[in-house]
């Protein structure tokens, strides 16, 4: 099973992934936790470039994320799925569609096609979308921001709106949760949906 966690910066993805990981391990599952970018050695280098390096042109940024995704799926995600593991991933294809598509004003459909090509069409069984407003996300993140987190609230508002649009078009694959709920309540909602899968 492949479960991606998506949402704006500061939504609580890392916390919810860890809570679900602990529950699944307790139930006897082999669980792989990973992230994009940064789930491989190549991904760490790409993460440094796009999030902490010099300014990157929007199309180059989209291509770098797609390159990381292609390598990550081929070397981490697919091998784990083949052996029967549950993969919990912090960000996946929808992040590129929302951030580089809607956020950077590129064509979201082109960005999606690029990522589908890079991953040979691999989509998560479930995408957990933790919905957070730009203002709440900013207050949760504190004072340290990477290049994308530093974007203005209108950028993050476009990203949020696009995430919600993606979820509305494919409710069978998405679970949308208000990130402002208590973390234990969010974890229970996620666990219930995963148990149904």
Protein backbone atom coordinates (compact mmCIF):
# COMPACT_ATOMS: atom_id res chain seq x y z
CA UNK A 1 0.00 0.00 0.00
CA UNK A 2 1.24 3.45 -0.95
CA UNK A 3 0.00 6.39 1.15
CA UNK A 4 1.07 9.96 0.43
CA UNK A 5 0.65 12.85 2.84
CA UNK A 6 0.10 16.24 1.25
CA UNK A 7 -0.77 19.74 2.38
CA UNK A 8 0.66 23.17 2.84
CA UNK A 9 3.84 23.80 4.78
CA UNK A 10 3.15 23.51 8.50
CA UNK A 11 0.14 21.19 8.10
CA UNK A 12 1.55 18.46 10.34
CA UNK A 13 2.44 15.81 7.74
CA UNK A 14 5.55 14.60 9.57
CA UNK A 15 3.64 14.16 12.84
CA UNK A 16 0.80 12.23 11.21
CA UNK A 17 3.17 10.00 9.25
CA UNK A 18 4.96 9.04 12.47
CA UNK A 19 1.69 8.31 14.29
CA UNK A 20 0.47 6.10 11.44
CA UNK A 21 3.87 4.40 11.12
CA UNK A 22 3.82 3.45 14.82
CA UNK A 23 0.29 2.06 14.54
CA UNK A 24 1.08 0.01 11.43
CA UNK A 25 4.31 -1.37 12.92
CA UNK A 26 2.38 -2.36 16.05
CA UNK A 27 -0.01 -4.24 13.75
CA UNK A 28 2.94 -6.17 12.27
CA UNK A 29 3.38 -4.34 8.96
CA UNK A 30 6.66 -3.65 7.18
CA UNK A 31 6.61 0.15 6.86
CA UNK A 32 8.88 2.40 4.81
CA UNK A 33 8.77 6.13 5.60
CA UNK A 34 10.22 8.45 2.99
CA UNK A 35 9.88 11.93 1.56
CA UNK A 36 10.23 14.04 -1.55
CA UNK A 37 12.56 15.57 -2.22
CA UNK A 38 15.20 13.93 -0.05
CA UNK A 39 14.33 10.23 0.14
CA UNK A 40 17.57 9.21 -1.60
CA UNK A 41 21.12 10.54 -1.78
CA UNK A 42 20.26 12.17 -5.11
CA UNK A 43 17.08 13.55 -3.55
CA UNK A 44 19.04 15.17 -0.72
CA UNK A 45 21.19 16.99 -3.28
CA UNK A 46 18.12 18.08 -5.27
CA UNK A 47 16.37 19.19 -2.06
CA UNK A 48 19.36 21.38 -1.22
CA UNK A 49 19.33 22.91 -4.71
CA UNK A 50 15.62 23.69 -4.96
CA UNK A 51 14.81 24.58 -1.35
CA UNK A 52 18.02 26.15 -0.05
CA UNK A 53 20.09 27.09 -3.09
CA UNK A 54 19.99 30.03 -5.47
CA UNK A 55 16.80 31.02 -7.27
CA UNK A 56 15.62 28.35 -9.75
CA UNK A 57 13.49 29.13 -12.81
CA UNK A 58 9.96 27.64 -12.42
CA UNK A 59 10.31 25.11 -15.27
CA UNK A 60 13.75 24.03 -14.02
CA UNK A 61 12.28 23.64 -10.53
CA UNK A 62 9.51 21.40 -11.89
CA UNK A 63 12.03 19.29 -13.81
CA UNK A 64 14.28 18.89 -10.77
CA UNK A 65 11.36 17.69 -8.64
CA UNK A 66 10.34 15.27 -11.42
CA UNK A 67 13.91 13.95 -11.68
CA UNK A 68 13.97 13.30 -7.94
CA UNK A 69 10.58 11.60 -8.16
CA UNK A 70 11.65 9.31 -11.02
CA UNK A 71 14.76 8.15 -9.15
CA UNK A 72 12.95 7.88 -5.80
CA UNK A 73 10.12 5.75 -7.17
CA UNK A 74 12.53 3.47 -9.05
CA UNK A 75 14.93 2.93 -6.14
CA UNK A 76 12.80 3.24 -2.98
CA UNK A 77 9.04 3.18 -3.50
CA UNK A 78 8.53 0.43 -6.09
CA UNK A 79 11.00 -2.00 -4.47
CA UNK A 80 9.24 -1.53 -1.12
CA UNK A 81 5.81 -2.07 -2.65
CA UNK A 82 7.02 -5.18 -4.51
CA UNK A 83 8.16 -6.78 -1.25
CA UNK A 84 4.78 -6.00 0.34
CA UNK A 85 5.68 -3.03 2.51
CA UNK A 86 3.44 -0.08 3.30
CA UNK A 87 5.04 3.13 2.00
CA UNK A 88 4.23 6.34 3.86
CA UNK A 89 5.50 9.33 1.95
CA UNK A 90 5.78 12.99 2.84
CA UNK A 91 4.82 14.71 -0.44
CA UNK A 92 4.46 13.18 -3.88
CA UNK A 93 3.11 14.07 -7.31
CA UNK A 94 0.35 16.37 -6.04
CA UNK A 95 2.91 18.66 -4.43
CA UNK A 96 4.41 19.40 -7.84
CA UNK A 97 0.98 19.93 -9.40
CA UNK A 98 0.00 22.34 -6.62
CA UNK A 99 3.31 24.14 -6.00
CA UNK A 100 4.90 24.28 -9.44
CA UNK A 101 1.58 24.19 -11.33
CA UNK A 102 -0.77 26.48 -9.43
CA UNK A 103 1.83 28.21 -7.24
CA UNK A 104 4.32 29.01 -9.99
CA UNK A 105 1.61 29.61 -12.61
CA UNK A 106 2.73 26.75 -14.84
CA UNK A 107 0.13 24.46 -16.42
CA UNK A 108 -0.93 21.98 -13.69
CA UNK A 109 -1.95 19.40 -16.32
CA UNK A 110 1.54 19.53 -17.88
CA UNK A 111 3.18 19.19 -14.46
CA UNK A 112 0.99 16.18 -13.68
CA UNK A 113 1.84 14.53 -17.00
CA UNK A 114 5.55 15.11 -16.37
CA UNK A 115 5.34 13.39 -12.99
CA UNK A 116 3.22 10.53 -14.33
CA UNK A 117 5.85 9.96 -17.02
CA UNK A 118 8.64 10.12 -14.42
CA UNK A 119 6.92 7.53 -12.19
CA UNK A 120 5.51 5.32 -14.95
CA UNK A 121 2.02 6.22 -13.77
CA UNK A 122 2.36 5.27 -10.09
CA UNK A 123 -0.35 6.88 -7.97
CA UNK A 124 -0.89 6.43 -4.21
CA UNK A 125 -3.66 4.15 -2.96
CA UNK A 126 -4.55 7.00 -0.62
CA UNK A 127 -3.55 10.65 -0.43
CA UNK A 128 -4.09 12.26 2.97
CA UNK A 129 -4.52 16.00 2.44
CA UNK A 130 -4.00 17.97 5.64
CA UNK A 131 -5.71 21.25 4.89
CA UNK A 132 -4.14 24.34 6.44
CA UNK A 133 -4.63 28.03 5.66
CA UNK A 134 -1.52 29.98 4.61
CA UNK A 135 -1.72 32.04 7.81
CA UNK A 136 -1.95 29.00 10.10
CA UNK A 137 0.81 27.25 8.19
CA UNK A 138 3.09 30.25 8.57
CA UNK A 139 2.46 30.51 12.33
CA UNK A 140 3.07 26.76 12.79
CA UNK A 141 6.40 26.86 10.92
CA UNK A 142 7.98 29.48 13.16
CA UNK A 143 10.82 31.64 11.91
CA UNK A 144 12.86 29.26 9.73
CA UNK A 145 11.64 29.02 6.12
CA UNK A 146 13.01 27.39 2.98
CA UNK A 147 12.63 29.01 -0.44
CA UNK A 148 9.07 27.71 -1.01
CA UNK A 149 7.92 28.33 2.56
CA UNK A 150 9.14 31.94 2.20
CA UNK A 151 6.68 32.65 -0.63
CA UNK A 152 3.91 35.14 0.07
CA UNK A 153 0.47 34.09 1.33
CA UNK A 154 -1.12 34.50 -2.13
CA UNK A 155 1.24 31.78 -3.44
CA UNK A 156 0.27 29.46 -0.58
CA UNK A 157 -3.42 30.30 -1.11
CA UNK A 158 -3.16 29.18 -4.78
CA UNK A 159 -1.43 25.99 -3.65
CA UNK A 160 -4.13 25.27 -1.07
CA UNK A 161 -6.97 25.94 -3.52
CA UNK A 162 -5.42 23.60 -6.06
CA UNK A 163 -4.95 20.83 -3.51
CA UNK A 164 -8.63 21.09 -2.61
CA UNK A 165 -9.60 21.06 -6.30
CA UNK A 166 -7.53 17.90 -6.88
CA UNK A 167 -9.22 16.20 -3.93
CA UNK A 168 -12.70 17.24 -5.09
CA UNK A 169 -12.09 15.63 -8.50
CA UNK A 170 -10.97 12.28 -7.04
CA UNK A 171 -12.62 11.74 -3.63
CA UNK A 172 -11.93 8.00 -3.73
CA UNK A 173 -8.18 8.59 -3.56
CA UNK A 174 -8.15 11.54 -1.17
CA UNK A 175 -8.89 12.00 2.50
CA UNK A 176 -9.15 15.71 3.31
CA UNK A 177 -8.76 16.61 6.98
CA UNK A 178 -8.74 19.99 8.72
CA UNK A 179 -5.15 20.29 9.97
CA UNK A 180 -6.42 22.43 12.85
CA UNK A 181 -8.01 19.43 14.56
CA UNK A 182 -6.18 17.87 17.53
CA UNK A 183 -3.41 15.57 16.31
CA UNK A 184 -4.92 12.50 17.99
CA UNK A 185 -8.24 13.13 16.25
CA UNK A 186 -6.52 13.47 12.88
CA UNK A 187 -4.58 10.26 13.54
CA UNK A 188 -7.80 8.39 14.35
CA UNK A 189 -9.46 9.58 11.12
CA UNK A 190 -6.42 8.52 9.10
CA UNK A 191 -6.21 5.13 10.81
CA UNK A 192 -9.88 4.43 10.18
CA UNK A 193 -9.54 5.15 6.46
CA UNK A 194 -6.35 3.11 6.16
CA UNK A 195 -7.98 0.15 7.93
CA UNK A 196 -10.75 0.21 5.30
CA UNK A 197 -8.11 -0.08 2.57
